[in-house]
C-alpha atoms as a PDB file:
ATOM      1  CA  UNK A   1     -50.975  77.751  18.530  1.00  0.00           C
ATOM      2  CA  UNK A   2     -49.452  79.353  21.390  1.00  0.00           C
ATOM      3  CA  UNK A   3     -48.285  82.963  21.832  1.00  0.00           C
ATOM      4  CA  UNK A   4     -45.753  83.418  24.498  1.00  0.00           C
ATOM      5  CA  UNK A   5     -45.062  87.461  25.333  1.00  0.00           C
ATOM      6  CA  UNK A   6     -41.786  88.370  27.683  1.00  0.00           C
ATOM      7  CA  UNK A   7     -41.753  91.630  29.709  1.00  0.00           C
ATOM      8  CA  UNK A   8     -40.105  93.035  32.115  1.00  0.00           C
ATOM      9  CA  UNK A   9     -36.759  94.193  30.371  1.00  0.00           C
ATOM     10  CA  UNK A  10     -34.567  97.338  30.452  1.00  0.00           C
ATOM     11  CA  UNK A  11     -31.846  99.317  31.476  1.00  0.00           C
ATOM     12  CA  UNK A  12     -30.255  98.093  34.880  1.00  0.00           C
ATOM     13  CA  UNK A  13     -26.946  99.363  36.582  1.00  0.00           C
ATOM     14  CA  UNK A  14     -24.819  96.344  37.627  1.00  0.00           C
ATOM     15  CA  UNK A  15     -25.711  95.155  40.838  1.00  0.00           C
ATOM     16  CA  UNK A  16     -29.356  95.907  40.050  1.00  0.00           C
ATOM     17  CA  UNK A  17     -32.319  93.582  39.621  1.00  0.00           C
ATOM     18  CA  UNK A  18     -35.173  92.754  37.370  1.00  0.00           C
ATOM     19  CA  UNK A  19     -37.981  90.470  37.145  1.00  0.00           C
ATOM     20  CA  UNK A  20     -38.958  88.922  33.917  1.00  0.00           C
ATOM     21  CA  UNK A  21     -42.445  87.462  33.345  1.00  0.00           C
ATOM     22  CA  UNK A  22     -43.830  85.467  30.199  1.00  0.00           C
ATOM     23  CA  UNK A  23     -47.376  85.388  29.758  1.00  0.00           C
ATOM     24  CA  UNK A  24     -48.901  82.397  27.818  1.00  0.00           C
ATOM     25  CA  UNK A  25     -51.971  83.134  25.772  1.00  0.00           C
ATOM     26  CA  UNK A  26     -53.429  79.670  27.244  1.00  0.00           C
ATOM     27  CA  UNK A  27     -53.324  77.309  30.284  1.00  0.00           C
ATOM     28  CA  UNK A  28     -49.973  76.192  30.830  1.00  0.00           C
ATOM     29  CA  UNK A  29     -50.972  72.774  32.698  1.00  0.00           C
ATOM     30  CA  UNK A  30     -50.150  71.183  30.044  1.00  0.00           C
ATOM     31  CA  UNK A  31     -46.657  72.212  29.775  1.00  0.00           C
ATOM     32  CA  UNK A  32     -43.784  69.753  30.245  1.00  0.00           C
ATOM     33  CA  UNK A  33     -40.861  72.746  30.596  1.00  0.00           C
ATOM     34  CA  UNK A  34     -40.666  76.106  30.461  1.00  0.00           C
ATOM     35  CA  UNK A  35     -37.695  77.897  30.616  1.00  0.00           C
ATOM     36  CA  UNK A  36     -35.828  81.210  29.914  1.00  0.00           C
ATOM     37  CA  UNK A  37     -33.076  81.491  27.094  1.00  0.00           C
ATOM     38  CA  UNK A  38     -30.992  84.225  26.229  1.00  0.00           C
ATOM     39  CA  UNK A  39     -28.810  85.575  23.174  1.00  0.00           C
ATOM     40  CA  UNK A  40     -25.770  88.138  23.405  1.00  0.00           C
ATOM     41  CA  UNK A  41     -24.736  89.648  20.394  1.00  0.00           C
ATOM     42  CA  UNK A  42     -22.848  87.510  18.485  1.00  0.00           C
ATOM     43  CA  UNK A  43     -23.139  84.841  21.061  1.00  0.00           C
ATOM     44  CA  UNK A  44     -25.388  81.290  20.504  1.00  0.00           C
ATOM     45  CA  UNK A  45     -28.708  81.356  22.673  1.00  0.00           C
ATOM     46  CA  UNK A  46     -28.183  79.652  25.688  1.00  0.00           C
ATOM     47  CA  UNK A  47     -30.176  78.180  28.533  1.00  0.00           C
ATOM     48  CA  UNK A  48     -30.198  80.398  31.254  1.00  0.00           C
ATOM     49  CA  UNK A  49     -33.332  78.333  33.465  1.00  0.00           C
ATOM     50  CA  UNK A  50     -35.930  75.996  33.065  1.00  0.00           C
ATOM     51  CA  UNK A  51     -38.779  74.600  35.540  1.00  0.00           C
ATOM     52  CA  UNK A  52     -40.696  71.375  34.488  1.00  0.00           C
ATOM     53  CA  UNK A  53     -44.647  70.537  35.651  1.00  0.00           C
ATOM     54  CA  UNK A  54     -43.616  68.944  38.261  1.00  0.00           C
ATOM     55  CA  UNK A  55     -41.589  72.127  38.856  1.00  0.00           C
ATOM     56  CA  UNK A  56     -38.406  70.672  39.064  1.00  0.00           C
ATOM     57  CA  UNK A  57     -35.569  73.593  38.310  1.00  0.00           C
ATOM     58  CA  UNK A  58     -32.579  73.670  36.500  1.00  0.00           C
ATOM     59  CA  UNK A  59     -30.047  76.697  36.551  1.00  0.00           C
ATOM     60  CA  UNK A  60     -26.874  77.302  33.949  1.00  0.00           C
ATOM     61  CA  UNK A  61     -23.959  77.704  36.082  1.00  0.00           C
ATOM     62  CA  UNK A  62     -23.283  81.454  34.909  1.00  0.00           C
ATOM     63  CA  UNK A  63     -26.907  82.139  37.293  1.00  0.00           C
ATOM     64  CA  UNK A  64     -27.192  79.527  39.696  1.00  0.00           C
ATOM     65  CA  UNK A  65     -27.811  81.818  43.417  1.00  0.00           C
ATOM     66  CA  UNK A  66     -28.448  85.273  41.309  1.00  0.00           C
ATOM     67  CA  UNK A  67     -31.592  83.945  39.248  1.00  0.00           C
ATOM     68  CA  UNK A  68     -34.905  82.186  40.500  1.00  0.00           C
ATOM     69  CA  UNK A  69     -37.157  80.825  38.079  1.00  0.00           C
ATOM     70  CA  UNK A  70     -40.930  80.474  38.902  1.00  0.00           C
ATOM     71  CA  UNK A  71     -44.142  79.960  37.515  1.00  0.00           C
ATOM     72  CA  UNK A  72     -47.740  80.301  38.216  1.00  0.00           C
ATOM     73  CA  UNK A  73     -50.516  78.114  36.346  1.00  0.00           C
ATOM     74  CA  UNK A  74     -53.105  80.455  37.798  1.00  0.00           C
ATOM     75  CA  UNK A  75     -51.924  83.160  35.791  1.00  0.00           C
ATOM     76  CA  UNK A  76     -50.634  81.068  32.950  1.00  0.00           C
ATOM     77  CA  UNK A  77     -46.895  82.814  33.703  1.00  0.00           C
ATOM     78  CA  UNK A  78     -43.730  82.099  34.034  1.00  0.00           C
ATOM     79  CA  UNK A  79     -41.178  84.422  35.737  1.00  0.00           C
ATOM     80  CA  UNK A  80     -37.466  84.801  36.258  1.00  0.00           C
ATOM     81  CA  UNK A  81     -36.062  87.000  39.114  1.00  0.00           C
ATOM     82  CA  UNK A  82     -32.607  88.345  38.195  1.00  0.00           C
ATOM     83  CA  UNK A  83     -30.600  89.652  41.125  1.00  0.00           C
ATOM     84  CA  UNK A  84     -26.894  90.869  41.770  1.00  0.00           C
ATOM     85  CA  UNK A  85     -26.780  91.471  37.628  1.00  0.00           C
ATOM     86  CA  UNK A  86     -23.763  91.831  35.994  1.00  0.00           C
ATOM     87  CA  UNK A  87     -22.591  93.216  32.688  1.00  0.00           C
ATOM     88  CA  UNK A  88     -22.346  89.626  31.168  1.00  0.00           C
ATOM     89  CA  UNK A  89     -25.877  89.364  31.702  1.00  0.00           C
ATOM     90  CA  UNK A  90     -27.055  91.799  29.036  1.00  0.00           C
ATOM     91  CA  UNK A  91     -28.475  90.001  26.670  1.00  0.00           C
ATOM     92  CA  UNK A  92     -32.071  89.083  24.510  1.00  0.00           C
ATOM     93  CA  UNK A  93     -34.216  87.249  26.796  1.00  0.00           C
ATOM     94  CA  UNK A  94     -35.985  84.214  25.246  1.00  0.00           C
ATOM     95  CA  UNK A  95     -38.565  82.267  26.719  1.00  0.00           C
ATOM     96  CA  UNK A  96     -39.632  78.794  25.804  1.00  0.00           C
ATOM     97  CA  UNK A  97     -42.610  76.236  26.469  1.00  0.00           C
ATOM     98  CA  UNK A  98     -42.444  72.535  25.098  1.00  0.00           C
ATOM     99  CA  UNK A  99     -45.604  70.993  25.636  1.00  0.00           C
ATOM    100  CA  UNK A 100     -46.814  67.439  26.551  1.00  0.00           C
ATOM    101  CA  UNK A 101     -47.716  67.120  22.309  1.00  0.00           C
ATOM    102  CA  UNK A 102     -44.578  68.201  21.541  1.00  0.00           C
ATOM    103  CA  UNK A 103     -45.094  71.535  20.306  1.00  0.00           C
ATOM    104  CA  UNK A 104     -42.371  73.482  21.000  1.00  0.00           C
ATOM    105  CA  UNK A 105     -43.139  77.427  21.331  1.00  0.00           C
ATOM    106  CA  UNK A 106     -40.984  80.595  21.374  1.00  0.00           C
ATOM    107  CA  UNK A 107     -41.414  84.035  22.563  1.00  0.00           C
ATOM    108  CA  UNK A 108     -39.876  87.403  20.705  1.00  0.00           C
ATOM    109  CA  UNK A 109     -37.794  88.594  23.597  1.00  0.00           C
ATOM    110  CA  UNK A 110     -37.405  91.071  25.902  1.00  0.00           C
ATOM    111  CA  UNK A 111     -34.135  92.907  26.036  1.00  0.00           C
ATOM    112  CA  UNK A 112     -31.914  93.183  28.841  1.00  0.00           C
ATOM    113  CA  UNK A 113     -28.830  95.561  29.276  1.00  0.00           C
ATOM    114  CA  UNK A 114     -26.800  95.796  31.937  1.00  0.00           C
ATOM    115  CA  UNK A 115     -24.893  98.889  32.012  1.00  0.00           C
ATOM    116  CA  UNK A 116     -23.344 101.525  34.467  1.00  0.00           C
END
């Protein structure tokens, strides 16, 4: 069983920045894809960004040019740098990992609130 723990959420004003971290309890060297998803109140969970084991990147159109996903295999951690935040970015942000074995794990989420 792999545990994913997100951190870095909080309250920020529009136009501000936050950096989310997702720390895995085991090596992410055998992860096919790691990603960030988010769920706003009353809405379905949606993909924000993913990074593959070969560092191929994928972003939702709504965050392209503002968010950057990265990984540090030595630290078993994936990051999401969020700049130029908007009120519509308000959501609970979840980390997800898909291993080569096919197992999928989710973190418990971290709240991001963008408000003046």
